[in-house]
Amino acid sequence: LPRPSTCIYIAGHEVDAYWPDARLAVEFDGEAFHRTTRAFHEDRRRDRRLAALGIQVNRVTWPDLSDGAGLAAELEAIRAQRLPMVRAAS
């Protein structure tokens, strides 16, 4: 899995990790910042805004990080599926 751009802004929204070639974003959802009802709704609104730009957002939790190799394999599979679609749309 190539190294993503990290902590970047896209359309005014900070994204934790981003692979621009696949228009793929990852958000790390820790309880400290994402457990309130307000944060929950804001996250979904932001995901829809990024989706409207053709960016797929995948949310990752701390337990997901316990299997780093498995998570990396899943993200690489998602990225591999998106690459042809993004290239065709360009």
C-alpha atoms as a PDB file:
ATOM      1  CA  LEU A   1       0.000   0.000   0.000  1.00  0.00           C
ATOM      2  CA  PRO A   2       1.616   3.299  -1.031  1.00  0.00           C
ATOM      3  CA  ARG A   3       2.057   5.994   1.574  1.00  0.00           C
ATOM      4  CA  PRO A   4      -0.974   8.338   1.588  1.00  0.00           C
ATOM      5  CA  SER A   5      -1.028  12.087   1.970  1.00  0.00           C
ATOM      6  CA  THR A   6      -1.946  12.778   5.591  1.00  0.00           C
ATOM      7  CA  CYS A   7      -3.842  15.502   7.417  1.00  0.00           C
ATOM      8  CA  ILE A   8      -4.702  17.386   4.240  1.00  0.00           C
ATOM      9  CA  TYR A   9      -7.643  19.617   3.408  1.00  0.00           C
ATOM     10  CA  ILE A  10     -10.017  18.765   0.587  1.00  0.00           C
ATOM     11  CA  ALA A  11     -12.857  21.190  -0.115  1.00  0.00           C
ATOM     12  CA  GLY A  12     -12.425  22.656   3.362  1.00  0.00           C
ATOM     13  CA  HIS A  13     -12.469  19.296   5.162  1.00  0.00           C
ATOM     14  CA  GLU A  14      -9.452  17.794   6.887  1.00  0.00           C
ATOM     15  CA  VAL A  15      -8.836  14.203   5.814  1.00  0.00           C
ATOM     16  CA  ASP A  16      -6.645  11.883   7.899  1.00  0.00           C
ATOM     17  CA  ALA A  17      -5.210   9.871   4.979  1.00  0.00           C
ATOM     18  CA  TYR A  18      -5.743  10.265   1.234  1.00  0.00           C
ATOM     19  CA  TRP A  19      -4.636   8.456  -1.918  1.00  0.00           C
ATOM     20  CA  PRO A  20      -5.353  10.987  -4.672  1.00  0.00           C
ATOM     21  CA  ASP A  21      -4.743   8.515  -7.511  1.00  0.00           C
ATOM     22  CA  ALA A  22      -7.725   6.450  -6.298  1.00  0.00           C
ATOM     23  CA  ARG A  23      -9.684   9.302  -4.714  1.00  0.00           C
ATOM     24  CA  LEU A  24      -9.693   7.215  -1.546  1.00  0.00           C
ATOM     25  CA  ALA A  25      -9.741   8.660   1.967  1.00  0.00           C
ATOM     26  CA  VAL A  26      -9.417   7.069   5.392  1.00  0.00           C
ATOM     27  CA  GLU A  27     -10.697   8.630   8.579  1.00  0.00           C
ATOM     28  CA  PHE A  28      -9.530   7.323  11.954  1.00  0.00           C
ATOM     29  CA  ASP A  29     -12.513   7.391  14.303  1.00  0.00           C
ATOM     30  CA  GLY A  30     -11.321   7.515  17.890  1.00  0.00           C
ATOM     31  CA  GLU A  31     -13.884   7.878  20.646  1.00  0.00           C
ATOM     32  CA  ALA A  32     -12.399  11.128  21.902  1.00  0.00           C
ATOM     33  CA  PHE A  33     -13.496  13.057  18.824  1.00  0.00           C
ATOM     34  CA  HIS A  34     -16.300  11.006  17.303  1.00  0.00           C
ATOM     35  CA  ARG A  35     -18.530   9.833  20.132  1.00  0.00           C
ATOM     36  CA  THR A  36     -20.968  12.731  20.397  1.00  0.00           C
ATOM     37  CA  THR A  37     -24.195  12.845  18.435  1.00  0.00           C
ATOM     38  CA  ARG A  38     -23.082  16.103  16.847  1.00  0.00           C
ATOM     39  CA  ALA A  39     -19.752  14.627  15.694  1.00  0.00           C
ATOM     40  CA  PHE A  40     -21.539  11.554  14.349  1.00  0.00           C
ATOM     41  CA  HIS A  41     -23.824  13.685  12.168  1.00  0.00           C
ATOM     42  CA  GLU A  42     -21.031  16.029  11.061  1.00  0.00           C
ATOM     43  CA  ASP A  43     -18.917  13.052  10.008  1.00  0.00           C
ATOM     44  CA  ARG A  44     -21.734  11.703   7.823  1.00  0.00           C
ATOM     45  CA  ARG A  45     -22.374  15.115   6.280  1.00  0.00           C
ATOM     46  CA  ARG A  46     -18.674  15.457   5.474  1.00  0.00           C
ATOM     47  CA  ASP A  47     -18.566  11.951   3.979  1.00  0.00           C
ATOM     48  CA  ARG A  48     -21.450  12.870   1.656  1.00  0.00           C
ATOM     49  CA  ARG A  49     -19.747  16.094   0.586  1.00  0.00           C
ATOM     50  CA  LEU A  50     -16.554  14.226  -0.226  1.00  0.00           C
ATOM     51  CA  ALA A  51     -18.539  11.505  -2.034  1.00  0.00           C
ATOM     52  CA  ALA A  52     -20.082  14.227  -4.210  1.00  0.00           C
ATOM     53  CA  LEU A  53     -16.495  15.014  -5.266  1.00  0.00           C
ATOM     54  CA  GLY A  54     -15.889  11.365  -6.148  1.00  0.00           C
ATOM     55  CA  ILE A  55     -13.928  10.583  -2.988  1.00  0.00           C
ATOM     56  CA  GLN A  56     -14.693   7.356  -1.134  1.00  0.00           C
ATOM     57  CA  VAL A  57     -14.266   7.693   2.630  1.00  0.00           C
ATOM     58  CA  ASN A  58     -13.505   4.611   4.707  1.00  0.00           C
ATOM     59  CA  ARG A  59     -13.767   4.885   8.476  1.00  0.00           C
ATOM     60  CA  VAL A  60     -11.276   2.994  10.638  1.00  0.00           C
ATOM     61  CA  THR A  61     -11.506   2.444  14.388  1.00  0.00           C
ATOM     62  CA  TRP A  62      -8.795   1.685  16.932  1.00  0.00           C
ATOM     63  CA  PRO A  63      -9.669  -2.038  17.023  1.00  0.00           C
ATOM     64  CA  ASP A  64      -9.178  -2.106  13.217  1.00  0.00           C
ATOM     65  CA  LEU A  65      -5.589  -0.960  13.758  1.00  0.00           C
ATOM     66  CA  SER A  66      -4.823  -4.035  15.870  1.00  0.00           C
ATOM     67  CA  ASP A  67      -4.645  -5.996  12.594  1.00  0.00           C
ATOM     68  CA  GLY A  68      -2.520  -3.550  10.618  1.00  0.00           C
ATOM     69  CA  ALA A  69      -1.598  -6.048   7.905  1.00  0.00           C
ATOM     70  CA  GLY A  70      -5.228  -7.053   7.414  1.00  0.00           C
ATOM     71  CA  LEU A  71      -6.351  -3.433   7.292  1.00  0.00           C
ATOM     72  CA  ALA A  72      -3.618  -2.571   4.790  1.00  0.00           C
ATOM     73  CA  ALA A  73      -4.694  -5.508   2.599  1.00  0.00           C
ATOM     74  CA  GLU A  74      -8.330  -4.359   2.682  1.00  0.00           C
ATOM     75  CA  LEU A  75      -7.389  -0.779   1.813  1.00  0.00           C
ATOM     76  CA  GLU A  76      -5.126  -1.952  -1.012  1.00  0.00           C
ATOM     77  CA  ALA A  77      -7.971  -4.058  -2.432  1.00  0.00           C
ATOM     78  CA  ILE A  78     -10.326  -1.064  -2.294  1.00  0.00           C
ATOM     79  CA  ARG A  79      -7.666   1.151  -3.878  1.00  0.00           C
ATOM     80  CA  ALA A  80      -7.029  -1.391  -6.649  1.00  0.00           C
ATOM     81  CA  GLN A  81     -10.745  -1.475  -7.506  1.00  0.00           C
ATOM     82  CA  ARG A  82     -11.012   2.318  -7.559  1.00  0.00           C
ATOM     83  CA  LEU A  83      -7.941   3.049  -9.705  1.00  0.00           C
ATOM     84  CA  PRO A  84      -9.509   1.982 -13.043  1.00  0.00           C
ATOM     85  CA  MET A  85     -12.739   3.865 -12.270  1.00  0.00           C
ATOM     86  CA  VAL A  86     -10.888   7.066 -11.377  1.00  0.00           C
ATOM     87  CA  ARG A  87      -8.660   6.825 -14.450  1.00  0.00           C
ATOM     88  CA  ALA A  88     -11.675   6.228 -16.706  1.00  0.00           C
ATOM     89  CA  ALA A  89     -13.446   9.272 -15.246  1.00  0.00           C
ATOM     90  CA  SER A  90     -10.424  11.546 -15.873  1.00  0.00           C
END
